[in-house]
Amino acid sequence: MHPISTDERGGATSVEMALLWLGMLTLILAVVQVSLAFYGGQLALTAAEDGLRTGRTYPVSSTVAAQNGAESFLRRAAGSTFSARSVEAEILDGGTTMRVTVAGEALSLVPGVPIRISRSAAGAIEQVRP
């Protein structure tokens, strides 16, 4: 019989490495998921701001123009990273303010877990005074 030396750990190193790699992989995926959610929020906010600029600067302010401006930006920039999107524009405060809201879902690394994002931009409607 051969005595077991004190240097031999019986595979404990392999188990430790497997647990370490599992933890590292989880951390990396969490960082990527947070980044995707942040990117989706930035896309939504930029689309809302672009729609607001488009809608409030026409000779006659138009919610349709604002919606089209935001949707146009999303078609150009979002691709599949921001899906199930909706754009709403409304005129508030007796016709002096416009608000554009963009909502959708950011790309999720976990299937079946949607990350819902909504961002709004509001500003005064430009008016020409004689």
N, C-alpha and C. Protein backbone atom coordinates (compact mmCIF):
# COMPACT_ATOMS: atom_id res chain seq x y z
N MET A 1 0.81 -1.16 0.00
CA MET A 1 0.00 0.00 0.00
C MET A 1 0.87 1.25 0.00
N HIS A 2 0.44 2.22 -0.78
CA HIS A 2 1.17 3.47 -0.86
C HIS A 2 0.47 4.50 0.02
N PRO A 3 1.19 5.13 0.86
CA PRO A 3 0.55 6.17 1.68
C PRO A 3 0.23 7.40 0.83
N ILE A 4 -0.84 8.05 1.14
CA ILE A 4 -1.25 9.27 0.43
C ILE A 4 -0.42 10.43 0.97
N SER A 5 0.20 11.13 0.07
CA SER A 5 1.04 12.25 0.50
C SER A 5 0.15 13.43 0.88
N THR A 6 0.71 14.33 1.63
CA THR A 6 -0.04 15.52 2.06
C THR A 6 -0.18 16.52 0.93
N ASP A 7 0.60 16.37 -0.17
CA ASP A 7 0.51 17.27 -1.31
C ASP A 7 -0.70 16.97 -2.19
N GLU A 8 -1.20 15.76 -2.13
CA GLU A 8 -2.32 15.38 -2.97
C GLU A 8 -3.62 15.82 -2.31
N ARG A 9 -4.48 16.51 -3.10
CA ARG A 9 -5.72 17.04 -2.52
C ARG A 9 -6.94 16.32 -3.04
N GLY A 10 -6.78 15.29 -3.84
CA GLY A 10 -7.90 14.47 -4.27
C GLY A 10 -8.88 15.17 -5.19
N GLY A 11 -8.42 16.05 -6.07
CA GLY A 11 -9.30 16.70 -7.04
C GLY A 11 -9.96 17.98 -6.55
N ALA A 12 -9.58 18.44 -5.39
CA ALA A 12 -10.19 19.66 -4.84
C ALA A 12 -9.86 20.87 -5.71
N THR A 13 -8.69 20.87 -6.32
CA THR A 13 -8.30 22.00 -7.16
C THR A 13 -9.22 22.10 -8.37
N SER A 14 -9.60 20.97 -8.95
CA SER A 14 -10.51 20.99 -10.10
C SER A 14 -11.87 21.55 -9.72
N VAL A 15 -12.37 21.17 -8.58
CA VAL A 15 -13.66 21.67 -8.12
C VAL A 15 -13.57 23.17 -7.84
N GLU A 16 -12.50 23.60 -7.22
CA GLU A 16 -12.33 25.03 -6.94
C GLU A 16 -12.26 25.84 -8.23
N MET A 17 -11.54 25.34 -9.21
CA MET A 17 -11.44 26.04 -10.49
C MET A 17 -12.80 26.08 -11.20
N ALA A 18 -13.55 25.01 -11.15
CA ALA A 18 -14.87 24.99 -11.77
C ALA A 18 -15.78 26.03 -11.11
N LEU A 19 -15.75 26.12 -9.79
CA LEU A 19 -16.57 27.11 -9.10
C LEU A 19 -16.09 28.53 -9.39
N LEU A 20 -14.79 28.72 -9.46
CA LEU A 20 -14.24 30.02 -9.79
C LEU A 20 -14.67 30.46 -11.20
N TRP A 21 -14.58 29.56 -12.16
CA TRP A 21 -14.97 29.89 -13.54
C TRP A 21 -16.46 30.15 -13.64
N LEU A 22 -17.26 29.41 -12.89
CA LEU A 22 -18.71 29.65 -12.88
C LEU A 22 -19.01 31.04 -12.34
N GLY A 23 -18.35 31.42 -11.28
CA GLY A 23 -18.54 32.76 -10.71
C GLY A 23 -18.09 33.85 -11.67
N MET A 24 -16.96 33.65 -12.33
CA MET A 24 -16.46 34.64 -13.29
C MET A 24 -17.40 34.77 -14.49
N LEU A 25 -17.89 33.65 -14.99
CA LEU A 25 -18.83 33.68 -16.11
C LEU A 25 -20.12 34.40 -15.73
N THR A 26 -20.61 34.15 -14.54
CA THR A 26 -21.82 34.84 -14.07
C THR A 26 -21.59 36.34 -13.95
N LEU A 27 -20.44 36.73 -13.44
CA LEU A 27 -20.10 38.15 -13.32
C LEU A 27 -20.00 38.81 -14.69
N ILE A 28 -19.36 38.15 -15.64
CA ILE A 28 -19.23 38.71 -16.98
C ILE A 28 -20.60 38.86 -17.64
N LEU A 29 -21.46 37.85 -17.52
CA LEU A 29 -22.80 37.93 -18.11
C LEU A 29 -23.63 39.02 -17.45
N ALA A 30 -23.47 39.22 -16.15
CA ALA A 30 -24.20 40.28 -15.46
C ALA A 30 -23.75 41.66 -15.96
N VAL A 31 -22.45 41.83 -16.15
CA VAL A 31 -21.95 43.11 -16.66
C VAL A 31 -22.46 43.36 -18.07
N VAL A 32 -22.47 42.34 -18.91
CA VAL A 32 -22.97 42.50 -20.29
C VAL A 32 -24.46 42.83 -20.27
N GLN A 33 -25.24 42.18 -19.39
CA GLN A 33 -26.68 42.45 -19.33
C GLN A 33 -26.96 43.87 -18.87
N VAL A 34 -26.24 44.34 -17.88
CA VAL A 34 -26.42 45.72 -17.42
C VAL A 34 -26.05 46.70 -18.54
N SER A 35 -25.00 46.39 -19.28
CA SER A 35 -24.60 47.24 -20.40
C SER A 35 -25.67 47.29 -21.48
N LEU A 36 -26.27 46.15 -21.79
CA LEU A 36 -27.34 46.12 -22.79
C LEU A 36 -28.56 46.91 -22.34
N ALA A 37 -28.89 46.82 -21.06
CA ALA A 37 -30.02 47.60 -20.53
C ALA A 37 -29.71 49.09 -20.59
N PHE A 38 -28.49 49.48 -20.24
CA PHE A 38 -28.10 50.88 -20.32
C PHE A 38 -28.15 51.38 -21.75
N TYR A 39 -27.64 50.58 -22.68
CA TYR A 39 -27.65 50.95 -24.09
C TYR A 39 -29.09 51.10 -24.61
N GLY A 40 -29.98 50.20 -24.21
CA GLY A 40 -31.39 50.32 -24.60
C GLY A 40 -32.01 51.59 -24.06
N GLY A 41 -31.66 51.97 -22.82
CA GLY A 41 -32.16 53.21 -22.25
C GLY A 41 -31.65 54.43 -23.00
N GLN A 42 -30.39 54.39 -23.40
CA GLN A 42 -29.82 55.50 -24.16
C GLN A 42 -30.47 55.61 -25.54
N LEU A 43 -30.73 54.47 -26.18
CA LEU A 43 -31.42 54.49 -27.48
C LEU A 43 -32.81 55.10 -27.34
N ALA A 44 -33.54 54.69 -26.29
CA ALA A 44 -34.89 55.21 -26.08
C ALA A 44 -34.87 56.71 -25.81
N LEU A 45 -33.94 57.17 -24.98
CA LEU A 45 -33.87 58.59 -24.66
C LEU A 45 -33.47 59.41 -25.90
N THR A 46 -32.51 58.94 -26.66
CA THR A 46 -32.09 59.67 -27.86
C THR A 46 -33.21 59.71 -28.89
N ALA A 47 -33.95 58.62 -29.03
CA ALA A 47 -35.08 58.61 -29.96
C ALA A 47 -36.15 59.60 -29.50
N ALA A 48 -36.42 59.65 -28.19
CA ALA A 48 -37.42 60.59 -27.68
C ALA A 48 -36.97 62.03 -27.92
N GLU A 49 -35.70 62.31 -27.69
CA GLU A 49 -35.19 63.67 -27.92
C GLU A 49 -35.22 64.03 -29.41
N ASP A 50 -34.88 63.07 -30.26
CA ASP A 50 -34.91 63.32 -31.71
C ASP A 50 -36.35 63.58 -32.18
N GLY A 51 -37.28 62.78 -31.68
CA GLY A 51 -38.69 63.00 -32.01
C GLY A 51 -39.19 64.34 -31.52
N LEU A 52 -38.77 64.73 -30.32
CA LEU A 52 -39.17 66.03 -29.77
C LEU A 52 -38.65 67.17 -30.64
N ARG A 53 -37.37 67.10 -31.03
CA ARG A 53 -36.81 68.15 -31.90
C ARG A 53 -37.57 68.22 -33.22
N THR A 54 -37.91 67.07 -33.79
CA THR A 54 -38.62 67.05 -35.06
C THR A 54 -40.04 67.59 -34.91
N GLY A 55 -40.74 67.18 -33.87
CA GLY A 55 -42.14 67.55 -33.71
C GLY A 55 -42.40 68.98 -33.31
N ARG A 56 -41.51 69.57 -32.54
CA ARG A 56 -41.81 70.91 -32.04
C ARG A 56 -41.27 72.03 -32.91
N THR A 57 -40.53 71.71 -33.96
CA THR A 57 -39.94 72.77 -34.78
C THR A 57 -40.63 72.97 -36.11
N TYR A 58 -41.62 72.16 -36.42
CA TYR A 58 -42.36 72.38 -37.66
C TYR A 58 -43.16 73.67 -37.55
N PRO A 59 -43.50 74.27 -38.68
CA PRO A 59 -44.32 75.49 -38.60
C PRO A 59 -45.57 75.28 -37.75
N VAL A 60 -46.16 74.14 -37.86
CA VAL A 60 -47.27 73.77 -36.99
C VAL A 60 -46.81 72.51 -36.26
N SER A 61 -46.67 72.59 -34.94
CA SER A 61 -46.17 71.45 -34.17
C SER A 61 -47.05 70.24 -34.41
N SER A 62 -46.40 69.10 -34.57
CA SER A 62 -47.13 67.91 -34.96
C SER A 62 -46.67 66.71 -34.15
N THR A 63 -47.62 66.04 -33.50
CA THR A 63 -47.30 64.82 -32.78
C THR A 63 -46.96 63.70 -33.76
N VAL A 64 -47.56 63.72 -34.93
CA VAL A 64 -47.26 62.71 -35.95
C VAL A 64 -45.81 62.85 -36.41
N ALA A 65 -45.36 64.08 -36.63
CA ALA A 65 -43.98 64.31 -37.03
C ALA A 65 -43.02 63.87 -35.93
N ALA A 66 -43.39 64.10 -34.68
CA ALA A 66 -42.56 63.68 -33.55
C ALA A 66 -42.45 62.16 -33.49
N GLN A 67 -43.57 61.47 -33.65
CA GLN A 67 -43.54 60.01 -33.65
C GLN A 67 -42.71 59.48 -34.81
N ASN A 68 -42.89 60.06 -35.99
CA ASN A 68 -42.13 59.61 -37.15
C ASN A 68 -40.64 59.85 -36.97
N GLY A 69 -40.26 60.98 -36.36
CA GLY A 69 -38.86 61.27 -36.11
C GLY A 69 -38.22 60.27 -35.17
N ALA A 70 -38.93 59.93 -34.08
CA ALA A 70 -38.41 58.96 -33.12
C ALA A 70 -38.31 57.57 -33.74
N GLU A 71 -39.36 57.16 -34.47
CA GLU A 71 -39.34 55.84 -35.11
C GLU A 71 -38.26 55.75 -36.18
N SER A 72 -38.02 56.85 -36.89
CA SER A 72 -36.96 56.87 -37.89
C SER A 72 -35.59 56.66 -37.24
N PHE A 73 -35.36 57.33 -36.11
CA PHE A 73 -34.09 57.13 -35.41
C PHE A 73 -33.94 55.69 -34.95
N LEU A 74 -35.00 55.10 -34.40
CA LEU A 74 -34.91 53.72 -33.93
C LEU A 74 -34.65 52.74 -35.07
N ARG A 75 -35.26 52.99 -36.23
CA ARG A 75 -34.98 52.11 -37.38
C ARG A 75 -33.51 52.18 -37.77
N ARG A 76 -32.94 53.38 -37.73
CA ARG A 76 -31.54 53.55 -38.13
C ARG A 76 -30.57 53.00 -37.09
N ALA A 77 -30.86 53.19 -35.82
CA ALA A 77 -29.85 52.95 -34.79
C ALA A 77 -30.07 51.70 -33.94
N ALA A 78 -31.30 51.31 -33.71
CA ALA A 78 -31.55 50.29 -32.70
C ALA A 78 -31.32 48.86 -33.16
N GLY A 79 -31.69 48.54 -34.38
CA GLY A 79 -31.57 47.16 -34.83
C GLY A 79 -32.37 46.23 -33.94
N SER A 80 -31.77 45.12 -33.53
CA SER A 80 -32.48 44.15 -32.70
C SER A 80 -32.17 44.33 -31.21
N THR A 81 -31.41 45.35 -30.85
CA THR A 81 -31.07 45.55 -29.43
C THR A 81 -32.18 46.24 -28.65
N PHE A 82 -33.17 46.78 -29.34
CA PHE A 82 -34.29 47.44 -28.70
C PHE A 82 -35.55 47.07 -29.47
N SER A 83 -36.33 46.14 -28.95
CA SER A 83 -37.47 45.60 -29.68
C SER A 83 -38.78 45.92 -28.97
N ALA A 84 -39.89 45.48 -29.58
CA ALA A 84 -41.24 45.70 -29.03
C ALA A 84 -41.43 47.16 -28.65
N ARG A 85 -41.01 48.04 -29.55
CA ARG A 85 -40.99 49.46 -29.22
C ARG A 85 -42.29 50.17 -29.57
N SER A 86 -42.55 51.21 -28.81
CA SER A 86 -43.71 52.06 -29.07
C SER A 86 -43.30 53.51 -28.83
N VAL A 87 -43.89 54.39 -29.62
CA VAL A 87 -43.59 55.82 -29.51
C VAL A 87 -44.91 56.56 -29.35
N GLU A 88 -44.98 57.43 -28.35
CA GLU A 88 -46.17 58.26 -28.13
C GLU A 88 -45.74 59.71 -28.01
N ALA A 89 -46.46 60.59 -28.66
CA ALA A 89 -46.19 62.03 -28.55
C ALA A 89 -47.49 62.72 -28.17
N GLU A 90 -47.39 63.71 -27.30
CA GLU A 90 -48.58 64.44 -26.87
C GLU A 90 -48.23 65.90 -26.63
N ILE A 91 -49.22 66.74 -26.84
CA ILE A 91 -49.07 68.18 -26.60
C ILE A 91 -49.76 68.49 -25.28
N LEU A 92 -49.04 69.19 -24.40
CA LEU A 92 -49.53 69.46 -23.05
C LEU A 92 -49.60 70.95 -22.78
N ASP A 93 -50.13 71.29 -21.64
CA ASP A 93 -50.16 72.68 -21.15
C ASP A 93 -50.79 73.65 -22.13
N GLY A 94 -51.89 73.29 -22.70
CA GLY A 94 -52.60 74.18 -23.61
C GLY A 94 -51.85 74.48 -24.90
N GLY A 95 -51.05 73.53 -25.34
CA GLY A 95 -50.35 73.69 -26.62
C GLY A 95 -48.98 74.34 -26.52
N THR A 96 -48.42 74.42 -25.31
CA THR A 96 -47.10 75.06 -25.17
C THR A 96 -45.96 74.07 -24.98
N THR A 97 -46.28 72.84 -24.65
CA THR A 97 -45.25 71.84 -24.35
C THR A 97 -45.56 70.54 -25.09
N MET A 98 -44.51 69.87 -25.55
CA MET A 98 -44.67 68.55 -26.18
C MET A 98 -43.84 67.54 -25.40
N ARG A 99 -44.40 66.34 -25.24
CA ARG A 99 -43.68 65.25 -24.60
C ARG A 99 -43.70 64.04 -25.53
N VAL A 100 -42.53 63.43 -25.72
CA VAL A 100 -42.40 62.22 -26.52
C VAL A 100 -41.90 61.11 -25.61
N THR A 101 -42.61 59.99 -25.60
CA THR A 101 -42.23 58.84 -24.77
C THR A 101 -41.93 57.66 -25.67
N VAL A 102 -40.78 57.03 -25.45
CA VAL A 102 -40.37 55.85 -26.22
C VAL A 102 -40.22 54.71 -25.22
N ALA A 103 -40.86 53.58 -25.52
CA ALA A 103 -40.79 52.40 -24.66
C ALA A 103 -40.45 51.19 -25.51
N GLY A 104 -39.86 50.20 -24.87
CA GLY A 104 -39.52 48.97 -25.58
C GLY A 104 -38.80 48.02 -24.65
N GLU A 105 -38.22 46.98 -25.24
CA GLU A 105 -37.50 45.97 -24.48
C GLU A 105 -36.05 45.91 -24.94
N ALA A 106 -35.15 45.97 -23.97
CA ALA A 106 -33.72 45.83 -24.27
C ALA A 106 -33.42 44.35 -24.50
N LEU A 107 -32.37 44.10 -25.23
CA LEU A 107 -31.94 42.74 -25.50
C LEU A 107 -31.59 42.06 -24.19
N SER A 108 -32.12 40.84 -23.99
CA SER A 108 -31.89 40.12 -22.75
C SER A 108 -31.09 38.85 -23.03
N LEU A 109 -30.11 38.59 -22.19
CA LEU A 109 -29.31 37.37 -22.32
C LEU A 109 -30.03 36.17 -21.72
N VAL A 110 -31.02 36.42 -20.88
CA VAL A 110 -31.79 35.34 -20.26
C VAL A 110 -33.11 35.20 -21.02
N PRO A 111 -33.31 34.08 -21.73
CA PRO A 111 -34.55 33.92 -22.50
C PRO A 111 -35.79 34.00 -21.61
N GLY A 112 -36.80 34.71 -22.09
CA GLY A 112 -38.06 34.81 -21.36
C GLY A 112 -38.08 35.86 -20.26
N VAL A 113 -37.00 36.61 -20.10
CA VAL A 113 -36.96 37.66 -19.08
C VAL A 113 -36.83 39.00 -19.79
N PRO A 114 -37.96 39.66 -20.06
CA PRO A 114 -37.89 40.95 -20.77
C PRO A 114 -37.40 42.06 -19.84
N ILE A 115 -36.65 42.97 -20.43
CA ILE A 115 -36.17 44.14 -19.69
C ILE A 115 -36.86 45.35 -20.31
N ARG A 116 -37.93 45.80 -19.66
CA ARG A 116 -38.77 46.88 -20.17
C ARG A 116 -38.11 48.23 -19.86
N ILE A 117 -38.05 49.08 -20.87
CA ILE A 117 -37.42 50.39 -20.72
C ILE A 117 -38.36 51.45 -21.29
N SER A 118 -38.46 52.58 -20.60
CA SER A 118 -39.27 53.70 -21.07
C SER A 118 -38.54 54.99 -20.74
N ARG A 119 -38.42 55.87 -21.74
CA ARG A 119 -37.78 57.16 -21.54
C ARG A 119 -38.62 58.25 -22.20
N SER A 120 -38.62 59.44 -21.62
CA SER A 120 -39.41 60.57 -22.15
C SER A 120 -38.53 61.79 -22.29
N ALA A 121 -38.94 62.63 -23.22
CA ALA A 121 -38.30 63.94 -23.40
C ALA A 121 -39.43 64.95 -23.57
N ALA A 122 -39.30 66.09 -22.92
CA ALA A 122 -40.33 67.14 -23.02
C ALA A 122 -39.65 68.48 -23.24
N GLY A 123 -40.36 69.35 -23.95
CA GLY A 123 -39.82 70.67 -24.21
C GLY A 123 -40.88 71.61 -24.72
N ALA A 124 -40.55 72.88 -24.70
CA ALA A 124 -41.47 73.91 -25.17
C ALA A 124 -41.62 73.84 -26.68
N ILE A 125 -42.83 74.11 -27.14
CA ILE A 125 -43.10 74.16 -28.57
C ILE A 125 -42.67 75.54 -29.08
N GLU A 126 -41.91 75.54 -30.14
CA GLU A 126 -41.45 76.82 -30.71
C GLU A 126 -42.61 77.54 -31.36
N GLN A 127 -42.70 78.81 -31.05
CA GLN A 127 -43.76 79.63 -31.60
C GLN A 127 -43.16 80.87 -32.25
N VAL A 128 -43.70 81.24 -33.39
CA VAL A 128 -43.25 82.44 -34.08
C VAL A 128 -44.18 83.58 -33.70
N ARG A 129 -43.59 84.65 -33.21
CA ARG A 129 -44.38 85.82 -32.82
C ARG A 129 -44.07 86.97 -33.75
N PRO A 130 -45.09 87.67 -34.20
CA PRO A 130 -44.83 88.81 -35.10
C PRO A 130 -44.19 89.97 -34.41
